[in-house]
């Protein structure tokens, strides 16, 4: 199971990013650190998808 999750890590991070992007405005959560985390998550997901992981 770990190998399968590792192989699809880019898609997993993209899914987490999409869920958080949808939830944050609904929950009225805004913070500079949270914005930074979302940006890093998006960059990591994009890089992993491009690398094919």
N, C-alpha and C. Protein backbone atom coordinates (compact mmCIF):
# COMPACT_ATOMS: atom_id res chain seq x y z
N UNK A 1 0.84 -1.19 0.00
CA UNK A 1 0.00 0.00 0.00
C UNK A 1 0.88 1.25 0.00
N UNK A 2 1.99 1.23 0.75
CA UNK A 2 2.85 2.42 0.80
C UNK A 2 3.42 2.72 -0.58
N UNK A 3 3.80 1.68 -1.33
CA UNK A 3 4.36 1.89 -2.67
C UNK A 3 3.33 2.54 -3.57
N UNK A 4 2.08 2.09 -3.50
CA UNK A 4 1.03 2.67 -4.33
C UNK A 4 0.79 4.13 -3.97
N UNK A 5 0.78 4.46 -2.69
CA UNK A 5 0.59 5.84 -2.27
C UNK A 5 1.77 6.70 -2.72
N UNK A 6 2.96 6.15 -2.68
CA UNK A 6 4.14 6.89 -3.10
C UNK A 6 4.10 7.16 -4.60
N UNK A 7 3.60 6.20 -5.35
CA UNK A 7 3.53 6.34 -6.80
C UNK A 7 2.52 7.42 -7.19
N UNK A 8 1.47 7.59 -6.42
CA UNK A 8 0.43 8.56 -6.73
C UNK A 8 0.49 9.79 -5.82
N UNK A 9 1.65 10.10 -5.31
CA UNK A 9 1.79 11.19 -4.35
C UNK A 9 1.39 12.54 -4.96
N UNK A 10 1.71 12.75 -6.21
CA UNK A 10 1.34 14.01 -6.86
C UNK A 10 -0.16 14.18 -6.92
N UNK A 11 -0.88 13.13 -7.26
CA UNK A 11 -2.34 13.20 -7.31
C UNK A 11 -2.92 13.36 -5.90
N UNK A 12 -2.32 12.70 -4.93
CA UNK A 12 -2.79 12.83 -3.56
C UNK A 12 -2.64 14.26 -3.06
N UNK A 13 -1.47 14.86 -3.30
CA UNK A 13 -1.26 16.24 -2.88
C UNK A 13 -2.18 17.21 -3.63
N UNK A 14 -2.44 16.93 -4.90
CA UNK A 14 -3.37 17.76 -5.65
C UNK A 14 -4.77 17.67 -5.05
N UNK A 15 -5.18 16.48 -4.70
CA UNK A 15 -6.48 16.31 -4.06
C UNK A 15 -6.59 17.04 -2.74
N UNK A 16 -5.56 16.94 -1.92
CA UNK A 16 -5.54 17.66 -0.63
C UNK A 16 -5.60 19.16 -0.87
N UNK A 17 -4.84 19.65 -1.85
CA UNK A 17 -4.84 21.07 -2.16
C UNK A 17 -6.23 21.53 -2.62
N UNK A 18 -6.88 20.75 -3.47
CA UNK A 18 -8.21 21.12 -3.95
C UNK A 18 -9.24 21.14 -2.82
N UNK A 19 -9.17 20.16 -1.93
CA UNK A 19 -10.10 20.13 -0.80
C UNK A 19 -9.88 21.33 0.11
N UNK A 20 -8.62 21.62 0.44
CA UNK A 20 -8.34 22.77 1.30
C UNK A 20 -8.73 24.08 0.63
N UNK A 21 -8.50 24.19 -0.67
CA UNK A 21 -8.87 25.40 -1.40
C UNK A 21 -10.37 25.62 -1.34
N UNK A 22 -11.13 24.55 -1.38
CA UNK A 22 -12.58 24.68 -1.29
C UNK A 22 -13.08 24.93 0.12
N UNK A 23 -12.41 24.36 1.11
CA UNK A 23 -12.87 24.49 2.49
C UNK A 23 -12.51 25.82 3.15
N UNK A 24 -11.36 26.36 2.83
CA UNK A 24 -10.90 27.56 3.53
C UNK A 24 -11.86 28.74 3.40
N UNK A 25 -12.37 29.06 2.23
CA UNK A 25 -13.34 30.17 2.17
C UNK A 25 -14.64 29.84 2.90
N UNK A 26 -15.05 28.59 2.88
CA UNK A 26 -16.29 28.22 3.57
C UNK A 26 -16.15 28.37 5.08
N UNK A 27 -14.97 28.09 5.60
CA UNK A 27 -14.74 28.16 7.04
C UNK A 27 -14.20 29.52 7.48
N UNK A 28 -14.05 30.43 6.53
CA UNK A 28 -13.53 31.78 6.82
C UNK A 28 -12.16 31.74 7.47
N UNK A 29 -11.29 30.86 7.00
CA UNK A 29 -9.95 30.76 7.55
C UNK A 29 -8.96 31.47 6.63
N UNK A 30 -8.33 32.48 7.15
CA UNK A 30 -7.28 33.16 6.40
C UNK A 30 -6.13 33.45 7.34
N UNK A 31 -4.94 33.17 6.90
CA UNK A 31 -3.75 33.43 7.69
C UNK A 31 -2.56 33.37 6.74
N UNK A 32 -1.55 34.20 7.00
CA UNK A 32 -0.39 34.24 6.12
C UNK A 32 0.33 32.90 6.06
N UNK A 33 0.46 32.23 7.20
CA UNK A 33 1.14 30.94 7.22
C UNK A 33 0.34 29.90 6.44
N UNK A 34 -0.97 29.97 6.53
CA UNK A 34 -1.82 29.03 5.81
C UNK A 34 -1.69 29.24 4.30
N UNK A 35 -1.60 30.48 3.89
CA UNK A 35 -1.40 30.78 2.47
C UNK A 35 -0.07 30.23 1.99
N UNK A 36 0.96 30.36 2.78
CA UNK A 36 2.27 29.84 2.43
C UNK A 36 2.23 28.32 2.31
N UNK A 37 1.56 27.65 3.23
CA UNK A 37 1.44 26.19 3.18
C UNK A 37 0.72 25.77 1.92
N UNK A 38 -0.34 26.47 1.55
CA UNK A 38 -1.09 26.13 0.34
C UNK A 38 -0.23 26.32 -0.91
N UNK A 39 0.57 27.37 -0.93
CA UNK A 39 1.44 27.60 -2.08
C UNK A 39 2.51 26.52 -2.20
N UNK A 40 3.10 26.13 -1.08
CA UNK A 40 4.11 25.07 -1.09
C UNK A 40 3.48 23.75 -1.51
N UNK A 41 2.28 23.47 -1.02
CA UNK A 41 1.58 22.24 -1.39
C UNK A 41 1.30 22.21 -2.89
N UNK A 42 0.90 23.33 -3.46
CA UNK A 42 0.62 23.40 -4.90
C UNK A 42 1.90 23.17 -5.71
N UNK A 43 2.99 23.78 -5.29
CA UNK A 43 4.26 23.61 -6.00
C UNK A 43 4.73 22.16 -5.92
N UNK A 44 4.63 21.57 -4.73
CA UNK A 44 5.07 20.17 -4.56
C UNK A 44 4.21 19.23 -5.41
N UNK A 45 2.90 19.44 -5.41
CA UNK A 45 2.02 18.58 -6.20
C UNK A 45 2.32 18.73 -7.68
N UNK A 46 2.50 19.95 -8.15
CA UNK A 46 2.80 20.17 -9.56
C UNK A 46 4.13 19.54 -9.97
N UNK A 47 5.13 19.69 -9.14
CA UNK A 47 6.44 19.12 -9.44
C UNK A 47 6.38 17.60 -9.49
N UNK A 48 5.67 16.99 -8.55
CA UNK A 48 5.54 15.53 -8.53
C UNK A 48 4.75 15.02 -9.73
N UNK A 49 3.73 15.75 -10.13
CA UNK A 49 2.97 15.34 -11.31
C UNK A 49 3.81 15.43 -12.57
N UNK A 50 4.61 16.48 -12.67
CA UNK A 50 5.47 16.62 -13.85
C UNK A 50 6.53 15.52 -13.88
N UNK A 51 7.06 15.17 -12.72
CA UNK A 51 8.06 14.11 -12.65
C UNK A 51 7.44 12.72 -12.81
N UNK A 52 6.13 12.64 -12.76
CA UNK A 52 5.46 11.36 -12.96
C UNK A 52 5.40 10.48 -11.74
N UNK A 53 5.40 11.07 -10.57
CA UNK A 53 5.34 10.27 -9.33
C UNK A 53 3.96 10.28 -8.78
